[in-house]
């Protein structure tokens, strides 16, 4: 509970990785880790946790139902999905730096990338 009362993705992800009492996504989704995040990011985290390899594949090729599901969970308008897909594909190496990457890293990196892009930053605020 060292992260209790803090908000934002960084303390949220840190709380999830330091919380040994429950899985990362369960901790984040249920608020066990003591931080709050928006429902869109929680939905994205659950999807990534459940479909990790398929998400990695879709990001690598720049298309697929998992990318569309992430875009939808973040409430990105459909006309911006091609740009969203391309942005994540371009940043594949930082999102998935190794084959054993934790879902918390994937979520945090996607949020970081989107926060830096004017088109998408409001979807992860």
N, C-alpha and C. Protein backbone atom coordinates (compact mmCIF):
# COMPACT_ATOMS: atom_id res chain seq x y z
N UNK A 1 0.82 -1.21 0.00
CA UNK A 1 0.00 0.00 0.00
C UNK A 1 0.86 1.27 0.00
N UNK A 2 2.13 1.12 -0.34
CA UNK A 2 2.98 2.30 -0.36
C UNK A 2 2.57 3.31 -1.43
N UNK A 3 1.76 2.88 -2.39
CA UNK A 3 1.32 3.77 -3.46
C UNK A 3 -0.07 4.33 -3.19
N UNK A 4 -0.65 4.04 -2.03
CA UNK A 4 -2.01 4.47 -1.72
C UNK A 4 -2.15 5.99 -1.84
N UNK A 5 -3.24 6.40 -2.46
CA UNK A 5 -3.53 7.82 -2.60
C UNK A 5 -2.91 8.47 -3.82
N UNK A 6 -2.05 7.75 -4.53
CA UNK A 6 -1.44 8.31 -5.72
C UNK A 6 -2.26 7.91 -6.94
N UNK A 7 -2.24 8.76 -7.94
CA UNK A 7 -2.97 8.44 -9.16
C UNK A 7 -2.03 8.57 -10.34
N UNK A 8 -2.50 8.16 -11.48
CA UNK A 8 -1.69 8.20 -12.68
C UNK A 8 -1.14 6.82 -12.99
N UNK A 9 -0.68 6.65 -14.20
CA UNK A 9 -0.26 5.34 -14.65
C UNK A 9 1.04 4.88 -14.01
N UNK A 10 2.02 5.76 -13.80
CA UNK A 10 3.30 5.32 -13.24
C UNK A 10 3.15 4.71 -11.85
N UNK A 11 2.56 5.42 -10.87
CA UNK A 11 2.40 4.78 -9.57
C UNK A 11 1.45 3.59 -9.63
N UNK A 12 0.52 3.63 -10.55
CA UNK A 12 -0.43 2.53 -10.67
C UNK A 12 0.29 1.25 -11.11
N UNK A 13 1.13 1.37 -12.12
CA UNK A 13 1.87 0.21 -12.61
C UNK A 13 2.87 -0.25 -11.56
N UNK A 14 3.54 0.68 -10.90
CA UNK A 14 4.47 0.30 -9.83
C UNK A 14 3.74 -0.42 -8.71
N UNK A 15 2.56 0.05 -8.38
CA UNK A 15 1.78 -0.61 -7.34
C UNK A 15 1.42 -2.02 -7.77
N UNK A 16 1.05 -2.18 -9.01
CA UNK A 16 0.67 -3.50 -9.49
C UNK A 16 1.85 -4.47 -9.46
N UNK A 17 3.04 -3.97 -9.77
CA UNK A 17 4.20 -4.87 -9.80
C UNK A 17 4.74 -5.16 -8.41
N UNK A 18 4.43 -4.32 -7.44
CA UNK A 18 4.91 -4.57 -6.08
C UNK A 18 3.87 -5.25 -5.21
N UNK A 19 2.70 -5.47 -5.75
CA UNK A 19 1.63 -6.09 -4.98
C UNK A 19 1.68 -7.60 -5.20
N UNK A 20 2.15 -8.32 -4.23
CA UNK A 20 2.26 -9.77 -4.33
C UNK A 20 0.99 -10.50 -3.96
N UNK A 21 -0.03 -9.81 -3.49
CA UNK A 21 -1.24 -10.46 -3.02
C UNK A 21 -2.18 -10.88 -4.13
N UNK A 22 -2.07 -10.28 -5.31
CA UNK A 22 -2.97 -10.61 -6.41
C UNK A 22 -2.27 -10.38 -7.73
N UNK A 23 -2.86 -10.89 -8.80
CA UNK A 23 -2.25 -10.69 -10.12
C UNK A 23 -2.24 -9.21 -10.47
N UNK A 24 -1.39 -8.85 -11.40
CA UNK A 24 -1.24 -7.45 -11.79
C UNK A 24 -2.56 -6.84 -12.22
N UNK A 25 -3.23 -7.48 -13.16
CA UNK A 25 -4.44 -6.89 -13.70
C UNK A 25 -5.56 -6.85 -12.68
N UNK A 26 -5.69 -7.90 -11.88
CA UNK A 26 -6.72 -7.92 -10.84
C UNK A 26 -6.46 -6.79 -9.86
N UNK A 27 -5.22 -6.61 -9.46
CA UNK A 27 -4.87 -5.52 -8.53
C UNK A 27 -5.23 -4.18 -9.11
N UNK A 28 -4.91 -3.97 -10.39
CA UNK A 28 -5.20 -2.69 -11.03
C UNK A 28 -6.70 -2.49 -11.19
N UNK A 29 -7.39 -3.51 -11.66
CA UNK A 29 -8.81 -3.37 -11.97
C UNK A 29 -9.64 -3.16 -10.71
N UNK A 30 -9.33 -3.89 -9.66
CA UNK A 30 -10.13 -3.80 -8.44
C UNK A 30 -9.63 -2.72 -7.48
N UNK A 31 -8.53 -2.08 -7.79
CA UNK A 31 -8.03 -1.02 -6.93
C UNK A 31 -7.31 -1.53 -5.70
N UNK A 32 -6.94 -2.81 -5.69
CA UNK A 32 -6.25 -3.38 -4.53
C UNK A 32 -4.91 -2.69 -4.31
N UNK A 33 -4.29 -2.26 -5.38
CA UNK A 33 -2.96 -1.67 -5.29
C UNK A 33 -2.97 -0.28 -4.67
N UNK A 34 -4.13 0.28 -4.44
CA UNK A 34 -4.20 1.57 -3.76
C UNK A 34 -4.14 2.77 -4.67
N UNK A 35 -4.22 2.59 -5.96
CA UNK A 35 -4.19 3.70 -6.91
C UNK A 35 -5.44 3.65 -7.76
N UNK A 36 -5.73 4.79 -8.37
CA UNK A 36 -6.87 4.85 -9.26
C UNK A 36 -6.39 5.19 -10.66
N UNK A 37 -7.02 4.61 -11.63
CA UNK A 37 -6.73 4.92 -13.02
C UNK A 37 -8.06 4.95 -13.76
N UNK A 38 -8.06 5.40 -14.99
CA UNK A 38 -9.35 5.49 -15.67
C UNK A 38 -9.80 4.12 -16.16
N UNK A 39 -11.09 3.98 -16.35
CA UNK A 39 -11.68 2.70 -16.72
C UNK A 39 -11.19 2.21 -18.07
N UNK A 40 -10.89 3.13 -18.98
CA UNK A 40 -10.40 2.74 -20.30
C UNK A 40 -9.06 2.02 -20.20
N UNK A 41 -8.18 2.54 -19.36
CA UNK A 41 -6.87 1.91 -19.19
C UNK A 41 -7.03 0.57 -18.48
N UNK A 42 -7.93 0.49 -17.52
CA UNK A 42 -8.19 -0.78 -16.85
C UNK A 42 -8.69 -1.82 -17.84
N UNK A 43 -9.57 -1.41 -18.73
CA UNK A 43 -10.09 -2.32 -19.75
C UNK A 43 -8.97 -2.78 -20.68
N UNK A 44 -8.13 -1.85 -21.10
CA UNK A 44 -7.00 -2.19 -21.95
C UNK A 44 -6.07 -3.16 -21.23
N UNK A 45 -5.80 -2.92 -19.95
CA UNK A 45 -4.91 -3.79 -19.18
C UNK A 45 -5.47 -5.20 -19.08
N UNK A 46 -6.75 -5.32 -18.87
CA UNK A 46 -7.38 -6.64 -18.80
C UNK A 46 -7.25 -7.37 -20.13
N UNK A 47 -7.47 -6.66 -21.21
CA UNK A 47 -7.36 -7.25 -22.54
C UNK A 47 -5.93 -7.72 -22.81
N UNK A 48 -4.97 -6.90 -22.50
CA UNK A 48 -3.57 -7.25 -22.73
C UNK A 48 -3.17 -8.42 -21.86
N UNK A 49 -3.62 -8.44 -20.63
CA UNK A 49 -3.29 -9.55 -19.73
C UNK A 49 -3.88 -10.86 -20.24
N UNK A 50 -5.08 -10.81 -20.77
CA UNK A 50 -5.76 -12.01 -21.24
C UNK A 50 -5.25 -12.50 -22.60
N UNK A 51 -4.84 -11.56 -23.45
CA UNK A 51 -4.49 -11.92 -24.83
C UNK A 51 -3.08 -11.51 -25.21
N UNK A 52 -2.15 -11.59 -24.29
CA UNK A 52 -0.80 -11.07 -24.48
C UNK A 52 -0.12 -11.39 -25.80
N UNK A 53 -0.01 -12.68 -26.15
CA UNK A 53 0.68 -13.05 -27.38
C UNK A 53 -0.05 -12.56 -28.62
N UNK A 54 -1.35 -12.63 -28.60
CA UNK A 54 -2.14 -12.16 -29.74
C UNK A 54 -2.03 -10.65 -29.90
N UNK A 55 -1.99 -9.93 -28.77
CA UNK A 55 -1.80 -8.48 -28.82
C UNK A 55 -0.43 -8.15 -29.42
N UNK A 56 0.59 -8.86 -28.96
CA UNK A 56 1.94 -8.64 -29.49
C UNK A 56 1.97 -8.87 -31.00
N UNK A 57 1.35 -9.93 -31.45
CA UNK A 57 1.30 -10.22 -32.88
C UNK A 57 0.62 -9.10 -33.65
N UNK A 58 -0.54 -8.67 -33.16
CA UNK A 58 -1.30 -7.62 -33.85
C UNK A 58 -0.53 -6.31 -33.90
N UNK A 59 0.14 -5.97 -32.82
CA UNK A 59 0.94 -4.73 -32.83
C UNK A 59 2.10 -4.87 -33.80
N UNK A 60 2.72 -6.04 -33.85
CA UNK A 60 3.86 -6.26 -34.75
C UNK A 60 3.46 -6.10 -36.22
N UNK A 61 2.26 -6.59 -36.58
CA UNK A 61 1.83 -6.49 -37.97
C UNK A 61 1.02 -5.23 -38.25
N UNK A 62 0.64 -4.51 -37.21
CA UNK A 62 -0.07 -3.24 -37.38
C UNK A 62 -1.55 -3.36 -37.71
N UNK A 63 -2.13 -4.51 -37.38
CA UNK A 63 -3.57 -4.69 -37.61
C UNK A 63 -4.05 -5.91 -36.84
N UNK A 64 -5.36 -5.98 -36.69
CA UNK A 64 -5.94 -7.15 -36.03
C UNK A 64 -7.00 -6.77 -35.02
N UNK A 65 -7.79 -7.78 -34.65
CA UNK A 65 -8.92 -7.53 -33.75
C UNK A 65 -8.49 -7.07 -32.37
N UNK A 66 -7.30 -7.48 -31.91
CA UNK A 66 -6.85 -7.05 -30.60
C UNK A 66 -6.48 -5.58 -30.57
N UNK A 67 -5.87 -5.10 -31.64
CA UNK A 67 -5.58 -3.66 -31.74
C UNK A 67 -6.87 -2.86 -31.80
N UNK A 68 -7.83 -3.38 -32.54
CA UNK A 68 -9.13 -2.71 -32.63
C UNK A 68 -9.82 -2.71 -31.27
N UNK A 69 -9.70 -3.80 -30.53
CA UNK A 69 -10.31 -3.87 -29.20
C UNK A 69 -9.65 -2.88 -28.24
N UNK A 70 -8.33 -2.73 -28.34
CA UNK A 70 -7.64 -1.75 -27.50
C UNK A 70 -8.10 -0.34 -27.86
N UNK A 71 -8.14 -0.04 -29.15
CA UNK A 71 -8.59 1.28 -29.61
C UNK A 71 -10.00 1.56 -29.12
N UNK A 72 -10.85 0.57 -29.22
CA UNK A 72 -12.23 0.71 -28.77
C UNK A 72 -12.29 0.93 -27.26
N UNK A 73 -11.50 0.17 -26.50
CA UNK A 73 -11.52 0.32 -25.04
C UNK A 73 -11.03 1.70 -24.61
N UNK A 74 -10.15 2.30 -25.42
CA UNK A 74 -9.65 3.64 -25.12
C UNK A 74 -10.53 4.74 -25.72
N UNK A 75 -11.61 4.33 -26.37
CA UNK A 75 -12.58 5.25 -26.98
C UNK A 75 -11.95 6.13 -28.07
N UNK A 76 -11.06 5.52 -28.82
CA UNK A 76 -10.46 6.21 -29.96
C UNK A 76 -11.44 6.09 -31.12
N UNK A 77 -11.78 7.20 -31.76
CA UNK A 77 -12.72 7.14 -32.89
C UNK A 77 -12.20 6.23 -34.01
N UNK A 78 -13.09 5.50 -34.64
CA UNK A 78 -12.69 4.54 -35.67
C UNK A 78 -11.91 5.16 -36.81
N UNK A 79 -12.18 6.41 -37.14
CA UNK A 79 -11.43 7.03 -38.23
C UNK A 79 -9.96 7.27 -37.87
N UNK A 80 -9.61 7.15 -36.58
CA UNK A 80 -8.22 7.31 -36.14
C UNK A 80 -7.54 5.96 -35.89
N UNK A 81 -8.26 4.86 -36.05
CA UNK A 81 -7.66 3.55 -35.79
C UNK A 81 -6.44 3.26 -36.67
N UNK A 82 -6.45 3.61 -37.95
CA UNK A 82 -5.24 3.35 -38.74
C UNK A 82 -4.00 4.07 -38.18
N UNK A 83 -4.16 5.31 -37.74
CA UNK A 83 -3.04 6.06 -37.16
C UNK A 83 -2.61 5.43 -35.83
N UNK A 84 -3.58 4.99 -35.04
CA UNK A 84 -3.32 4.34 -33.76
C UNK A 84 -2.53 3.05 -33.98
N UNK A 85 -3.00 2.24 -34.92
CA UNK A 85 -2.31 0.97 -35.23
C UNK A 85 -0.87 1.24 -35.66
N UNK A 86 -0.71 2.22 -36.54
CA UNK A 86 0.62 2.54 -37.05
C UNK A 86 1.55 3.03 -35.94
N UNK A 87 1.02 3.85 -35.05
CA UNK A 87 1.83 4.37 -33.94
C UNK A 87 2.33 3.23 -33.06
N UNK A 88 1.45 2.31 -32.71
CA UNK A 88 1.87 1.19 -31.87
C UNK A 88 2.84 0.27 -32.62
N UNK A 89 2.58 0.03 -33.89
CA UNK A 89 3.49 -0.80 -34.67
C UNK A 89 4.88 -0.19 -34.73
N UNK A 90 4.96 1.10 -34.95
CA UNK A 90 6.23 1.81 -35.00
C UNK A 90 7.00 1.68 -33.68
N UNK A 91 6.27 1.57 -32.58
CA UNK A 91 6.88 1.49 -31.26
C UNK A 91 6.90 0.08 -30.68
N UNK A 92 6.76 -0.92 -31.54
CA UNK A 92 6.70 -2.31 -31.08
C UNK A 92 7.87 -2.68 -30.17
N UNK A 93 9.08 -2.30 -30.55
CA UNK A 93 10.28 -2.70 -29.79
C UNK A 93 10.27 -2.15 -28.36
N UNK A 94 9.73 -0.97 -28.16
CA UNK A 94 9.69 -0.43 -26.79
C UNK A 94 8.51 -1.01 -26.00
N UNK A 95 7.44 -1.38 -26.69
CA UNK A 95 6.29 -1.98 -26.02
C UNK A 95 6.61 -3.41 -25.61
N UNK A 96 7.27 -4.15 -26.50
CA UNK A 96 7.64 -5.55 -26.26
C UNK A 96 9.16 -5.70 -26.40
N UNK A 97 9.94 -5.25 -25.41
CA UNK A 97 11.39 -5.31 -25.53
C UNK A 97 11.96 -6.73 -25.42
N UNK A 98 11.17 -7.67 -24.93
CA UNK A 98 11.61 -9.06 -24.83
C UNK A 98 10.38 -9.96 -24.90
N UNK A 99 10.64 -11.25 -25.05
CA UNK A 99 9.52 -12.19 -25.15
C UNK A 99 8.85 -12.45 -23.80
N UNK A 100 9.52 -12.13 -22.72
CA UNK A 100 8.93 -12.38 -21.40
C UNK A 100 8.52 -11.09 -20.69
N UNK A 101 8.15 -10.09 -21.46
CA UNK A 101 7.76 -8.79 -20.91
C UNK A 101 6.47 -8.95 -20.09
N UNK A 102 6.37 -8.20 -19.01
CA UNK A 102 5.18 -8.24 -18.17
C UNK A 102 4.09 -7.35 -18.77
N UNK A 103 2.86 -7.76 -18.55
CA UNK A 103 1.75 -6.98 -19.09
C UNK A 103 1.73 -5.57 -18.52
N UNK A 104 2.21 -5.41 -17.30
CA UNK A 104 2.25 -4.07 -16.71
C UNK A 104 3.17 -3.14 -17.50
N UNK A 105 4.28 -3.68 -18.01
CA UNK A 105 5.18 -2.88 -18.85
C UNK A 105 4.48 -2.51 -20.15
N UNK A 106 3.80 -3.48 -20.76
CA UNK A 106 3.11 -3.23 -22.03
C UNK A 106 2.09 -2.11 -21.87
N UNK A 107 1.29 -2.20 -20.81
CA UNK A 107 0.27 -1.17 -20.56
C UNK A 107 0.93 0.18 -20.33
N UNK A 108 1.92 0.23 -19.47
CA UNK A 108 2.59 1.50 -19.16
C UNK A 108 3.24 2.10 -20.40
N UNK A 109 3.83 1.28 -21.23
CA UNK A 109 4.50 1.79 -22.42
C UNK A 109 3.49 2.30 -23.45
N UNK A 110 2.39 1.59 -23.62
CA UNK A 110 1.36 2.08 -24.54
C UNK A 110 0.82 3.42 -24.04
N UNK A 111 0.56 3.52 -22.75
CA UNK A 111 0.06 4.78 -22.20
C UNK A 111 1.09 5.88 -22.40
N UNK A 112 2.36 5.60 -22.16
CA UNK A 112 3.42 6.60 -22.34
C UNK A 112 3.46 7.09 -23.78
N UNK A 113 3.38 6.17 -24.72
CA UNK A 113 3.41 6.52 -26.14
C UNK A 113 2.20 7.38 -26.51
N UNK A 114 1.04 6.98 -26.04
CA UNK A 114 -0.17 7.74 -26.37
C UNK A 114 -0.18 9.11 -25.70
N UNK A 115 0.36 9.20 -24.50
CA UNK A 115 0.43 10.50 -23.80
C UNK A 115 1.28 11.50 -24.57
N UNK A 116 2.25 11.02 -25.31
CA UNK A 116 3.16 11.89 -26.05
C UNK A 116 2.64 12.27 -27.43
N UNK A 117 1.50 11.73 -27.80
CA UNK A 117 0.94 12.00 -29.12
C UNK A 117 -0.31 12.87 -28.98
N UNK A 118 -0.29 14.02 -29.62
CA UNK A 118 -1.41 14.98 -29.51
C UNK A 118 -2.76 14.36 -29.90
N UNK A 119 -2.73 13.44 -30.85
CA UNK A 119 -3.99 12.84 -31.32
C UNK A 119 -4.63 11.93 -30.28
N UNK A 120 -3.81 11.34 -29.40
CA UNK A 120 -4.32 10.28 -28.52
C UNK A 120 -4.17 10.55 -27.03
N UNK A 121 -3.48 11.62 -26.67
CA UNK A 121 -3.18 11.82 -25.25
C UNK A 121 -4.43 11.95 -24.38
N UNK A 122 -5.50 12.50 -24.90
CA UNK A 122 -6.72 12.65 -24.10
C UNK A 122 -7.40 11.31 -23.80
N UNK A 123 -7.06 10.29 -24.56
CA UNK A 123 -7.68 8.97 -24.36
C UNK A 123 -7.05 8.19 -23.21
N UNK A 124 -5.92 8.65 -22.71
CA UNK A 124 -5.26 7.98 -21.59
C UNK A 124 -5.10 8.91 -20.39
N UNK A 125 -5.72 10.08 -20.47
CA UNK A 125 -5.60 11.07 -19.38
C UNK A 125 -6.40 10.63 -18.17
